PDB file of N, CA and C in Angstrom:
ATOM      1  N   MET A   1       6.895 -26.566  19.578  1.00  0.00           N
ATOM      2  CA  MET A   1       6.504 -26.703  20.958  1.00  0.00           C
ATOM      3  C   MET A   1       7.010 -28.041  21.481  1.00  0.00           C
ATOM      4  N   ILE A   2       7.451 -28.026  22.722  1.00  0.00           N
ATOM      5  CA  ILE A   2       7.917 -29.227  23.410  1.00  0.00           C
ATOM      6  C   ILE A   2       7.001 -29.445  24.608  1.00  0.00           C
ATOM      7  N   LEU A   3       6.543 -30.665  24.791  1.00  0.00           N
ATOM      8  CA  LEU A   3       5.660 -31.004  25.904  1.00  0.00           C
ATOM      9  C   LEU A   3       6.406 -31.930  26.852  1.00  0.00           C
ATOM     10  N   ILE A   4       6.361 -31.591  28.138  1.00  0.00           N
ATOM     11  CA  ILE A   4       6.986 -32.413  29.177  1.00  0.00           C
ATOM     12  C   ILE A   4       5.918 -32.779  30.198  1.00  0.00           C
ATOM     13  N   VAL A   5       5.744 -34.078  30.434  1.00  0.00           N
ATOM     14  CA  VAL A   5       4.755 -34.566  31.402  1.00  0.00           C
ATOM     15  C   VAL A   5       5.430 -35.507  32.384  1.00  0.00           C
ATOM     16  N   GLY A   6       4.784 -35.704  33.516  1.00  0.00           N
ATOM     17  CA  GLY A   6       5.283 -36.629  34.525  1.00  0.00           C
ATOM     18  C   GLY A   6       4.537 -36.391  35.823  1.00  0.00           C
ATOM     19  N   GLY A   7       4.832 -37.186  36.806  1.00  0.00           N
ATOM     20  CA  GLY A   7       4.185 -37.059  38.106  1.00  0.00           C
ATOM     21  C   GLY A   7       4.635 -35.816  38.850  1.00  0.00           C
ATOM     22  N   SER A   8       3.952 -35.534  39.942  1.00  0.00           N
ATOM     23  CA  SER A   8       4.311 -34.388  40.778  1.00  0.00           C
ATOM     24  C   SER A   8       5.711 -34.555  41.347  1.00  0.00           C
ATOM     25  N   TYR A   9       6.454 -33.487  41.362  1.00  0.00           N
ATOM     26  CA  TYR A   9       7.792 -33.439  41.974  1.00  0.00           C
ATOM     27  C   TYR A   9       8.736 -34.494  41.408  1.00  0.00           C
ATOM     28  N   GLN A  10       8.699 -34.673  40.103  1.00  0.00           N
ATOM     29  CA  GLN A  10       9.586 -35.631  39.454  1.00  0.00           C
ATOM     30  C   GLN A  10      10.735 -34.956  38.709  1.00  0.00           C
ATOM     31  N   GLY A  11      10.839 -33.642  38.800  1.00  0.00           N
ATOM     32  CA  GLY A  11      11.966 -32.940  38.191  1.00  0.00           C
ATOM     33  C   GLY A  11      11.705 -32.428  36.785  1.00  0.00           C
ATOM     34  N   LYS A  12      10.453 -32.216  36.440  1.00  0.00           N
ATOM     35  CA  LYS A  12      10.110 -31.768  35.083  1.00  0.00           C
ATOM     36  C   LYS A  12      10.685 -30.389  34.772  1.00  0.00           C
ATOM     37  N   THR A  13      10.538 -29.457  35.708  1.00  0.00           N
ATOM     38  CA  THR A  13      11.011 -28.092  35.469  1.00  0.00           C
ATOM     39  C   THR A  13      12.529 -28.055  35.356  1.00  0.00           C
ATOM     40  N   LYS A  14      13.219 -28.746  36.234  1.00  0.00           N
ATOM     41  CA  LYS A  14      14.684 -28.790  36.169  1.00  0.00           C
ATOM     42  C   LYS A  14      15.138 -29.434  34.859  1.00  0.00           C
ATOM     43  N   PHE A  15      14.477 -30.501  34.457  1.00  0.00           N
ATOM     44  CA  PHE A  15      14.795 -31.151  33.185  1.00  0.00           C
ATOM     45  C   PHE A  15      14.623 -30.156  32.038  1.00  0.00           C
ATOM     46  N   ALA A  16      13.535 -29.410  32.052  1.00  0.00           N
ATOM     47  CA  ALA A  16      13.280 -28.437  30.988  1.00  0.00           C
ATOM     48  C   ALA A  16      14.361 -27.358  30.957  1.00  0.00           C
ATOM     49  N   ARG A  17      14.691 -26.822  32.118  1.00  0.00           N
ATOM     50  CA  ARG A  17      15.697 -25.750  32.165  1.00  0.00           C
ATOM     51  C   ARG A  17      17.079 -26.238  31.743  1.00  0.00           C
ATOM     52  N   ASN A  18      17.414 -27.475  32.096  1.00  0.00           N
ATOM     53  CA  ASN A  18      18.723 -28.022  31.724  1.00  0.00           C
ATOM     54  C   ASN A  18      18.818 -28.357  30.243  1.00  0.00           C
ATOM     55  N   ASN A  19      17.711 -28.758  29.654  1.00  0.00           N
ATOM     56  CA  ASN A  19      17.750 -29.237  28.267  1.00  0.00           C
ATOM     57  C   ASN A  19      17.234 -28.238  27.238  1.00  0.00           C
ATOM     58  N   PHE A  20      16.457 -27.259  27.680  1.00  0.00           N
ATOM     59  CA  PHE A  20      15.875 -26.290  26.756  1.00  0.00           C
ATOM     60  C   PHE A  20      15.968 -24.879  27.335  1.00  0.00           C
ATOM     61  N   PRO A  21      17.198 -24.410  27.635  1.00  0.00           N
ATOM     62  CA  PRO A  21      17.349 -23.117  28.313  1.00  0.00           C
ATOM     63  C   PRO A  21      16.941 -21.923  27.455  1.00  0.00           C
ATOM     64  N   GLU A  22      16.913 -22.106  26.143  1.00  0.00           N
ATOM     65  CA  GLU A  22      16.599 -20.997  25.247  1.00  0.00           C
ATOM     66  C   GLU A  22      15.101 -20.798  25.048  1.00  0.00           C
ATOM     67  N   CYS A  23      14.302 -21.698  25.577  1.00  0.00           N
ATOM     68  CA  CYS A  23      12.850 -21.669  25.357  1.00  0.00           C
ATOM     69  C   CYS A  23      12.115 -20.856  26.412  1.00  0.00           C
ATOM     70  N   ARG A  24      10.881 -20.548  26.093  1.00  0.00           N
ATOM     71  CA  ARG A  24       9.958 -19.951  27.049  1.00  0.00           C
ATOM     72  C   ARG A  24       9.157 -21.093  27.660  1.00  0.00           C
ATOM     73  N   TYR A  25       8.663 -20.898  28.889  1.00  0.00           N
ATOM     74  CA  TYR A  25       8.012 -21.982  29.620  1.00  0.00           C
ATOM     75  C   TYR A  25       6.574 -21.656  29.971  1.00  0.00           C
ATOM     76  N   PHE A  26       5.714 -22.638  29.806  1.00  0.00           N
ATOM     77  CA  PHE A  26       4.336 -22.605  30.293  1.00  0.00           C
ATOM     78  C   PHE A  26       4.277 -23.743  31.300  1.00  0.00           C
ATOM     79  N   ASN A  27       4.524 -23.406  32.574  1.00  0.00           N
ATOM     80  CA  ASN A  27       4.652 -24.426  33.613  1.00  0.00           C
ATOM     81  C   ASN A  27       3.317 -24.628  34.333  1.00  0.00           C
ATOM     82  N   GLN A  28       3.128 -25.827  34.844  1.00  0.00           N
ATOM     83  CA  GLN A  28       1.943 -26.216  35.616  1.00  0.00           C
ATOM     84  C   GLN A  28       0.655 -26.038  34.806  1.00  0.00           C
ATOM     85  N   LEU A  29       0.693 -26.553  33.599  1.00  0.00           N
ATOM     86  CA  LEU A  29      -0.473 -26.489  32.726  1.00  0.00           C
ATOM     87  C   LEU A  29      -1.701 -27.107  33.383  1.00  0.00           C
ATOM     88  N   HIS A  30      -1.510 -28.182  34.130  1.00  0.00           N
ATOM     89  CA  HIS A  30      -2.639 -28.858  34.781  1.00  0.00           C
ATOM     90  C   HIS A  30      -3.383 -27.929  35.736  1.00  0.00           C
ATOM     91  N   LEU A  31      -2.665 -27.055  36.421  1.00  0.00           N
ATOM     92  CA  LEU A  31      -3.309 -26.103  37.336  1.00  0.00           C
ATOM     93  C   LEU A  31      -4.012 -24.985  36.564  1.00  0.00           C
ATOM     94  N   PHE A  32      -3.444 -24.597  35.448  1.00  0.00           N
ATOM     95  CA  PHE A  32      -4.082 -23.611  34.579  1.00  0.00           C
ATOM     96  C   PHE A  32      -5.430 -24.146  34.086  1.00  0.00           C
ATOM     97  N   ILE A  33      -5.438 -25.410  33.654  1.00  0.00           N
ATOM     98  CA  ILE A  33      -6.675 -26.031  33.179  1.00  0.00           C
ATOM     99  C   ILE A  33      -7.701 -26.086  34.312  1.00  0.00           C
ATOM    100  N   LYS A  34      -7.263 -26.486  35.492  1.00  0.00           N
ATOM    101  CA  LYS A  34      -8.182 -26.579  36.637  1.00  0.00           C
ATOM    102  C   LYS A  34      -8.823 -25.224  36.940  1.00  0.00           C
ATOM    103  N   LYS A  35      -8.013 -24.171  36.926  1.00  0.00           N
ATOM    104  CA  LYS A  35      -8.528 -22.832  37.200  1.00  0.00           C
ATOM    105  C   LYS A  35      -9.548 -22.416  36.145  1.00  0.00           C
ATOM    106  N   ARG A  36      -9.243 -22.671  34.896  1.00  0.00           N
ATOM    107  CA  ARG A  36     -10.173 -22.306  33.823  1.00  0.00           C
ATOM    108  C   ARG A  36     -11.480 -23.094  33.920  1.00  0.00           C
ATOM    109  N   LEU A  37     -11.419 -24.353  34.295  1.00  0.00           N
ATOM    110  CA  LEU A  37     -12.638 -25.135  34.478  1.00  0.00           C
ATOM    111  C   LEU A  37     -13.475 -24.583  35.629  1.00  0.00           C
ATOM    112  N   GLN A  38     -12.817 -24.130  36.684  1.00  0.00           N
ATOM    113  CA  GLN A  38     -13.535 -23.515  37.806  1.00  0.00           C
ATOM    114  C   GLN A  38     -14.208 -22.209  37.383  1.00  0.00           C
ATOM    115  N   GLU A  39     -13.654 -21.574  36.361  1.00  0.00           N
ATOM    116  CA  GLU A  39     -14.251 -20.356  35.802  1.00  0.00           C
ATOM    117  C   GLU A  39     -15.314 -20.697  34.753  1.00  0.00           C
ATOM    118  N   GLU A  40     -15.636 -21.990  34.651  1.00  0.00           N
ATOM    119  CA  GLU A  40     -16.668 -22.519  33.757  1.00  0.00           C
ATOM    120  C   GLU A  40     -16.348 -22.343  32.275  1.00  0.00           C
ATOM    121  N   LYS A  41     -15.057 -22.381  31.950  1.00  0.00           N
ATOM    122  CA  LYS A  41     -14.640 -22.363  30.551  1.00  0.00           C
ATOM    123  C   LYS A  41     -14.826 -23.755  29.959  1.00  0.00           C
ATOM    124  N   LYS A  42     -15.135 -23.805  28.692  1.00  0.00           N
ATOM    125  CA  LYS A  42     -15.271 -25.060  27.962  1.00  0.00           C
ATOM    126  C   LYS A  42     -13.878 -25.546  27.561  1.00  0.00           C
ATOM    127  N   PRO A  43     -13.696 -26.871  27.426  1.00  0.00           N
ATOM    128  CA  PRO A  43     -12.384 -27.398  27.041  1.00  0.00           C
ATOM    129  C   PRO A  43     -11.811 -26.773  25.770  1.00  0.00           C
ATOM    130  N   ILE A  44     -12.636 -26.548  24.762  1.00  0.00           N
ATOM    131  CA  ILE A  44     -12.137 -25.948  23.517  1.00  0.00           C
ATOM    132  C   ILE A  44     -11.665 -24.516  23.751  1.00  0.00           C
ATOM    133  N   GLN A  45     -12.319 -23.792  24.658  1.00  0.00           N
ATOM    134  CA  GLN A  45     -11.876 -22.439  24.993  1.00  0.00           C
ATOM    135  C   GLN A  45     -10.518 -22.477  25.691  1.00  0.00           C
ATOM    136  N   ILE A  46     -10.333 -23.445  26.557  1.00  0.00           N
ATOM    137  CA  ILE A  46      -9.068 -23.583  27.286  1.00  0.00           C
ATOM    138  C   ILE A  46      -7.946 -23.921  26.315  1.00  0.00           C
ATOM    139  N   LEU A  47      -8.193 -24.871  25.422  1.00  0.00           N
ATOM    140  CA  LEU A  47      -7.180 -25.260  24.441  1.00  0.00           C
ATOM    141  C   LEU A  47      -6.819 -24.084  23.539  1.00  0.00           C
ATOM    142  N   THR A  48      -7.817 -23.341  23.109  1.00  0.00           N
ATOM    143  CA  THR A  48      -7.566 -22.167  22.267  1.00  0.00           C
ATOM    144  C   THR A  48      -6.733 -21.137  23.010  1.00  0.00           C
ATOM    145  N   GLU A  49      -7.038 -20.917  24.287  1.00  0.00           N
ATOM    146  CA  GLU A  49      -6.273 -19.961  25.088  1.00  0.00           C
ATOM    147  C   GLU A  49      -4.815 -20.396  25.220  1.00  0.00           C
ATOM    148  N   ILE A  50      -4.598 -21.692  25.417  1.00  0.00           N
ATOM    149  CA  ILE A  50      -3.233 -22.214  25.518  1.00  0.00           C
ATOM    150  C   ILE A  50      -2.489 -21.989  24.209  1.00  0.00           C
ATOM    151  N   LYS A  51      -3.115 -22.347  23.103  1.00  0.00           N
ATOM    152  CA  LYS A  51      -2.466 -22.201  21.794  1.00  0.00           C
ATOM    153  C   LYS A  51      -2.184 -20.740  21.477  1.00  0.00           C
ATOM    154  N   ASP A  52      -3.099 -19.848  21.850  1.00  0.00           N
ATOM    155  CA  ASP A  52      -2.865 -18.418  21.631  1.00  0.00           C
ATOM    156  C   ASP A  52      -1.677 -17.924  22.457  1.00  0.00           C
ATOM    157  N   ALA A  53      -1.551 -18.432  23.682  1.00  0.00           N
ATOM    158  CA  ALA A  53      -0.474 -17.988  24.579  1.00  0.00           C
ATOM    159  C   ALA A  53       0.894 -18.415  24.077  1.00  0.00           C
ATOM    160  N   ILE A  54       0.961 -19.545  23.387  1.00  0.00           N
ATOM    161  CA  ILE A  54       2.266 -20.054  22.933  1.00  0.00           C
ATOM    162  C   ILE A  54       2.470 -19.822  21.443  1.00  0.00           C
ATOM    163  N   GLY A  55       1.799 -18.840  20.911  1.00  0.00           N
ATOM    164  CA  GLY A  55       1.849 -18.593  19.479  1.00  0.00           C
ATOM    165  C   GLY A  55       3.205 -18.180  18.942  1.00  0.00           C
ATOM    166  N   ASP A  56       3.965 -17.412  19.689  1.00  0.00           N
ATOM    167  CA  ASP A  56       5.235 -16.888  19.192  1.00  0.00           C
ATOM    168  C   ASP A  56       6.409 -17.505  19.934  1.00  0.00           C
ATOM    169  N   GLY A  57       7.428 -17.885  19.198  1.00  0.00           N
ATOM    170  CA  GLY A  57       8.647 -18.402  19.802  1.00  0.00           C
ATOM    171  C   GLY A  57       8.576 -19.890  20.101  1.00  0.00           C
ATOM    172  N   GLN A  58       9.670 -20.377  20.671  1.00  0.00           N
ATOM    173  CA  GLN A  58       9.769 -21.797  21.029  1.00  0.00           C
ATOM    174  C   GLN A  58       9.350 -21.960  22.486  1.00  0.00           C
ATOM    175  N   TRP A  59       8.370 -22.803  22.724  1.00  0.00           N
ATOM    176  CA  TRP A  59       7.792 -22.986  24.052  1.00  0.00           C
ATOM    177  C   TRP A  59       7.971 -24.401  24.553  1.00  0.00           C
ATOM    178  N   VAL A  60       8.127 -24.524  25.862  1.00  0.00           N
ATOM    179  CA  VAL A  60       8.084 -25.799  26.555  1.00  0.00           C
ATOM    180  C   VAL A  60       6.875 -25.753  27.480  1.00  0.00           C
ATOM    181  N   ILE A  61       5.967 -26.698  27.286  1.00  0.00           N
ATOM    182  CA  ILE A  61       4.794 -26.812  28.153  1.00  0.00           C
ATOM    183  C   ILE A  61       5.066 -27.933  29.143  1.00  0.00           C
ATOM    184  N   ILE A  62       4.861 -27.644  30.426  1.00  0.00           N
ATOM    185  CA  ILE A  62       5.140 -28.603  31.496  1.00  0.00           C
ATOM    186  C   ILE A  62       3.842 -28.869  32.255  1.00  0.00           C
ATOM    187  N   SER A  63       3.518 -30.153  32.409  1.00  0.00           N
ATOM    188  CA  SER A  63       2.277 -30.510  33.087  1.00  0.00           C
ATOM    189  C   SER A  63       2.439 -31.789  33.884  1.00  0.00           C
ATOM    190  N   ASP A  64       1.774 -31.826  35.035  1.00  0.00           N
ATOM    191  CA  ASP A  64       1.665 -33.083  35.766  1.00  0.00           C
ATOM    192  C   ASP A  64       0.771 -34.026  34.973  1.00  0.00           C
ATOM    193  N   GLU A  65       1.079 -35.293  35.041  1.00  0.00           N
ATOM    194  CA  GLU A  65       0.218 -36.335  34.487  1.00  0.00           C
ATOM    195  C   GLU A  65      -0.819 -36.632  35.562  1.00  0.00           C
ATOM    196  N   VAL A  66      -2.069 -36.245  35.319  1.00  0.00           N
ATOM    197  CA  VAL A  66      -3.107 -36.417  36.337  1.00  0.00           C
ATOM    198  C   VAL A  66      -3.981 -37.641  36.074  1.00  0.00           C
ATOM    199  N   GLY A  67      -3.702 -38.372  35.020  1.00  0.00           N
ATOM    200  CA  GLY A  67      -4.542 -39.511  34.655  1.00  0.00           C
ATOM    201  C   GLY A  67      -4.134 -40.832  35.255  1.00  0.00           C
ATOM    202  N   ASN A  68      -2.998 -40.876  35.894  1.00  0.00           N
ATOM    203  CA  ASN A  68      -2.550 -42.117  36.527  1.00  0.00           C
ATOM    204  C   ASN A  68      -3.057 -42.167  37.961  1.00  0.00           C
ATOM    205  N   GLY A  69      -3.136 -43.343  38.498  1.00  0.00           N
ATOM    206  CA  GLY A  69      -3.523 -43.478  39.896  1.00  0.00           C
ATOM    207  C   GLY A  69      -4.997 -43.764  40.073  1.00  0.00           C
ATOM    208  N   VAL A  70      -5.460 -43.479  41.260  1.00  0.00           N
ATOM    209  CA  VAL A  70      -6.841 -43.773  41.659  1.00  0.00           C
ATOM    210  C   VAL A  70      -7.805 -42.819  40.951  1.00  0.00           C
ATOM    211  N   VAL A  71      -8.903 -43.357  40.463  1.00  0.00           N
ATOM    212  CA  VAL A  71      -9.937 -42.535  39.841  1.00  0.00           C
ATOM    213  C   VAL A  71     -10.662 -41.764  40.943  1.00  0.00           C
ATOM    214  N   PRO A  72     -10.759 -40.434  40.806  1.00  0.00           N
ATOM    215  CA  PRO A  72     -11.409 -39.634  41.852  1.00  0.00           C
ATOM    216  C   PRO A  72     -12.884 -40.001  42.032  1.00  0.00           C
ATOM    217  N   ILE A  73     -13.371 -39.856  43.252  1.00  0.00           N
ATOM    218  CA  ILE A  73     -14.768 -40.146  43.565  1.00  0.00           C
ATOM    219  C   ILE A  73     -15.686 -39.049  43.030  1.00  0.00           C
ATOM    220  N   GLU A  74     -15.271 -37.804  43.202  1.00  0.00           N
ATOM    221  CA  GLU A  74     -16.115 -36.671  42.821  1.00  0.00           C
ATOM    222  C   GLU A  74     -16.169 -36.512  41.303  1.00  0.00           C
ATOM    223  N   GLN A  75     -17.371 -36.305  40.783  1.00  0.00           N
ATOM    224  CA  GLN A  75     -17.588 -36.123  39.345  1.00  0.00           C
ATOM    225  C   GLN A  75     -16.748 -34.970  38.792  1.00  0.00           C
ATOM    226  N   GLU A  76     -16.709 -33.862  39.516  1.00  0.00           N
ATOM    227  CA  GLU A  76     -15.946 -32.694  39.083  1.00  0.00           C
ATOM    228  C   GLU A  76     -14.460 -33.031  38.919  1.00  0.00           C
ATOM    229  N   ASP A  77     -13.918 -33.798  39.841  1.00  0.00           N
ATOM    230  CA  ASP A  77     -12.507 -34.191  39.763  1.00  0.00           C
ATOM    231  C   ASP A  77     -12.253 -35.147  38.598  1.00  0.00           C
ATOM    232  N   ARG A  78     -13.209 -36.033  38.339  1.00  0.00           N
ATOM    233  CA  ARG A  78     -13.071 -36.949  37.193  1.00  0.00           C
ATOM    234  C   ARG A  78     -13.114 -36.176  35.877  1.00  0.00           C
ATOM    235  N   GLU A  79     -13.993 -35.182  35.804  1.00  0.00           N
ATOM    236  CA  GLU A  79     -14.068 -34.364  34.591  1.00  0.00           C
ATOM    237  C   GLU A  79     -12.774 -33.583  34.374  1.00  0.00           C
ATOM    238  N   TYR A  80     -12.228 -33.015  35.445  1.00  0.00           N
ATOM    239  CA  TYR A  80     -10.947 -32.298  35.350  1.00  0.00           C
ATOM    240  C   TYR A  80      -9.859 -33.229  34.825  1.00  0.00           C
ATOM    241  N   ARG A  81      -9.792 -34.417  35.370  1.00  0.00           N
ATOM    242  CA  ARG A  81      -8.803 -35.411  34.957  1.00  0.00           C
ATOM    243  C   ARG A  81      -8.971 -35.767  33.480  1.00  0.00           C
ATOM    244  N   ASP A  82     -10.197 -36.003  33.055  1.00  0.00           N
ATOM    245  CA  ASP A  82     -10.467 -36.366  31.665  1.00  0.00           C
ATOM    246  C   ASP A  82     -10.135 -35.226  30.707  1.00  0.00           C
ATOM    247  N   ILE A  83     -10.570 -34.032  31.049  1.00  0.00           N
ATOM    248  CA  ILE A  83     -10.330 -32.877  30.175  1.00  0.00           C
ATOM    249  C   ILE A  83      -8.846 -32.570  30.082  1.00  0.00           C
ATOM    250  N   THR A  84      -8.135 -32.639  31.201  1.00  0.00           N
ATOM    251  CA  THR A  84      -6.686 -32.412  31.173  1.00  0.00           C
ATOM    252  C   THR A  84      -6.007 -33.420  30.266  1.00  0.00           C
ATOM    253  N   GLY A  85      -6.397 -34.685  30.375  1.00  0.00           N
ATOM    254  CA  GLY A  85      -5.835 -35.713  29.505  1.00  0.00           C
ATOM    255  C   GLY A  85      -6.100 -35.445  28.041  1.00  0.00           C
ATOM    256  N   LYS A  86      -7.311 -35.035  27.716  1.00  0.00           N
ATOM    257  CA  LYS A  86      -7.661 -34.764  26.314  1.00  0.00           C
ATOM    258  C   LYS A  86      -6.900 -33.563  25.767  1.00  0.00           C
ATOM    259  N   ILE A  87      -6.731 -32.542  26.589  1.00  0.00           N
ATOM    260  CA  ILE A  87      -5.949 -31.377  26.153  1.00  0.00           C
ATOM    261  C   ILE A  87      -4.495 -31.774  25.941  1.00  0.00           C
ATOM    262  N   LEU A  88      -3.947 -32.583  26.842  1.00  0.00           N
ATOM    263  CA  LEU A  88      -2.559 -33.042  26.676  1.00  0.00           C
ATOM    264  C   LEU A  88      -2.402 -33.888  25.414  1.00  0.00           C
ATOM    265  N   ILE A  89      -3.406 -34.682  25.080  1.00  0.00           N
ATOM    266  CA  ILE A  89      -3.356 -35.468  23.844  1.00  0.00           C
ATOM    267  C   ILE A  89      -3.271 -34.539  22.633  1.00  0.00           C
ATOM    268  N   GLU A  90      -4.101 -33.510  22.619  1.00  0.00           N
ATOM    269  CA  GLU A  90      -4.084 -32.551  21.509  1.00  0.00           C
ATOM    270  C   GLU A  90      -2.723 -31.859  21.395  1.00  0.00           C
ATOM    271  N   LEU A  91      -2.192 -31.433  22.545  1.00  0.00           N
ATOM    272  CA  LEU A  91      -0.901 -30.749  22.527  1.00  0.00           C
ATOM    273  C   LEU A  91       0.226 -31.689  22.116  1.00  0.00           C
ATOM    274  N   ALA A  92       0.186 -32.930  22.591  1.00  0.00           N
ATOM    275  CA  ALA A  92       1.219 -33.908  22.226  1.00  0.00           C
ATOM    276  C   ALA A  92       1.192 -34.183  20.729  1.00  0.00           C
ATOM    277  N   ASP A  93       0.014 -34.208  20.161  1.00  0.00           N
ATOM    278  CA  ASP A  93      -0.119 -34.443  18.729  1.00  0.00           C
ATOM    279  C   ASP A  93       0.560 -33.345  17.924  1.00  0.00           C
ATOM    280  N   GLU A  94       0.468 -32.113  18.395  1.00  0.00           N
ATOM    281  CA  GLU A  94       1.051 -30.974  17.685  1.00  0.00           C
ATOM    282  C   GLU A  94       2.504 -30.703  18.065  1.00  0.00           C
ATOM    283  N   ALA A  95       2.956 -31.257  19.189  1.00  0.00           N
ATOM    284  CA  ALA A  95       4.309 -30.983  19.679  1.00  0.00           C
ATOM    285  C   ALA A  95       5.371 -31.573  18.752  1.00  0.00           C
ATOM    286  N   GLU A  96       6.487 -30.879  18.683  1.00  0.00           N
ATOM    287  CA  GLU A  96       7.638 -31.391  17.947  1.00  0.00           C
ATOM    288  C   GLU A  96       8.308 -32.518  18.722  1.00  0.00           C
ATOM    289  N   GLU A  97       8.321 -32.370  20.046  1.00  0.00           N
ATOM    290  CA  GLU A  97       8.928 -33.368  20.927  1.00  0.00           C
ATOM    291  C   GLU A  97       8.057 -33.501  22.176  1.00  0.00           C
ATOM    292  N   VAL A  98       8.002 -34.732  22.720  1.00  0.00           N
ATOM    293  CA  VAL A  98       7.285 -34.986  23.968  1.00  0.00           C
ATOM    294  C   VAL A  98       8.198 -35.819  24.865  1.00  0.00           C
ATOM    295  N   TYR A  99       8.293 -35.412  26.139  1.00  0.00           N
ATOM    296  CA  TYR A  99       9.120 -36.117  27.110  1.00  0.00           C
ATOM    297  C   TYR A  99       8.278 -36.497  28.315  1.00  0.00           C
ATOM    298  N   ARG A 100       8.618 -37.651  28.890  1.00  0.00           N
ATOM    299  CA  ARG A 100       8.048 -38.065  30.173  1.00  0.00           C
ATOM    300  C   ARG A 100       9.207 -38.084  31.158  1.00  0.00           C
ATOM    301  N   VAL A 101       9.037 -37.415  32.298  1.00  0.00           N
ATOM    302  CA  VAL A 101      10.112 -37.293  33.284  1.00  0.00           C
ATOM    303  C   VAL A 101       9.726 -38.044  34.551  1.00  0.00           C
ATOM    304  N   VAL A 102      10.626 -38.937  34.981  1.00  0.00           N
ATOM    305  CA  VAL A 102      10.468 -39.689  36.220  1.00  0.00           C
ATOM    306  C   VAL A 102      11.808 -39.637  36.945  1.00  0.00           C
ATOM    307  N   CYS A 103      11.787 -39.276  38.218  1.00  0.00           N
ATOM    308  CA  CYS A 103      13.013 -39.196  39.032  1.00  0.00           C
ATOM    309  C   CYS A 103      14.062 -38.307  38.376  1.00  0.00           C
ATOM    310  N   GLY A 104      13.601 -37.238  37.729  1.00  0.00           N
ATOM    311  CA  GLY A 104      14.508 -36.293  37.097  1.00  0.00           C
ATOM    312  C   GLY A 104      15.070 -36.738  35.761  1.00  0.00           C
ATOM    313  N   ILE A 105      14.714 -37.924  35.327  1.00  0.00           N
ATOM    314  CA  ILE A 105      15.227 -38.459  34.061  1.00  0.00           C
ATOM    315  C   ILE A 105      14.145 -38.345  33.000  1.00  0.00           C
ATOM    316  N   GLY A 106      14.474 -37.674  31.941  1.00  0.00           N
ATOM    317  CA  GLY A 106      13.518 -37.499  30.851  1.00  0.00           C
ATOM    318  C   GLY A 106      13.706 -38.546  29.775  1.00  0.00           C
ATOM    319  N   GLN A 107      12.603 -39.080  29.325  1.00  0.00           N
ATOM    320  CA  GLN A 107      12.625 -40.037  28.228  1.00  0.00           C
ATOM    321  C   GLN A 107      11.801 -39.465  27.097  1.00  0.00           C
ATOM    322  N   ARG A 108      12.421 -39.342  25.946  1.00  0.00           N
ATOM    323  CA  ARG A 108      11.696 -38.823  24.785  1.00  0.00           C
ATOM    324  C   ARG A 108      10.729 -39.891  24.296  1.00  0.00           C
ATOM    325  N   ILE A 109       9.456 -39.509  24.183  1.00  0.00           N
ATOM    326  CA  ILE A 109       8.451 -40.456  23.700  1.00  0.00           C
ATOM    327  C   ILE A 109       7.885 -40.030  22.347  1.00  0.00           C
ATOM    328  N   LYS A 110       8.292 -38.876  21.898  1.00  0.00           N
ATOM    329  CA  LYS A 110       7.949 -38.429  20.533  1.00  0.00           C
ATOM    330  C   LYS A 110       9.052 -37.522  20.049  1.00  0.00           C
TER     331      LYS A 110
END
């Protein structure tokens, strides 16, 4: 599994398609997590669902980095931010490669 993170509209998807055209993509992971939290899923259930979805083949997971910037005022938004970060940590730990993309330029960090 390859994990690609970065800010919104920084070229993560284009970077993935240019560098890993043979892979399958799980794009906008951060929005998937948000939706599952709204459905009152527990973080471990969300992580398990992600891992089950990418069980076969070579996958690239693409997610916005939601932990940078201003800390949200609303408790629900802070929890989403924290849980997304923790899930990304787990995925990065298991990933073969991790990239951070800024201005369309990917930097391998693992």
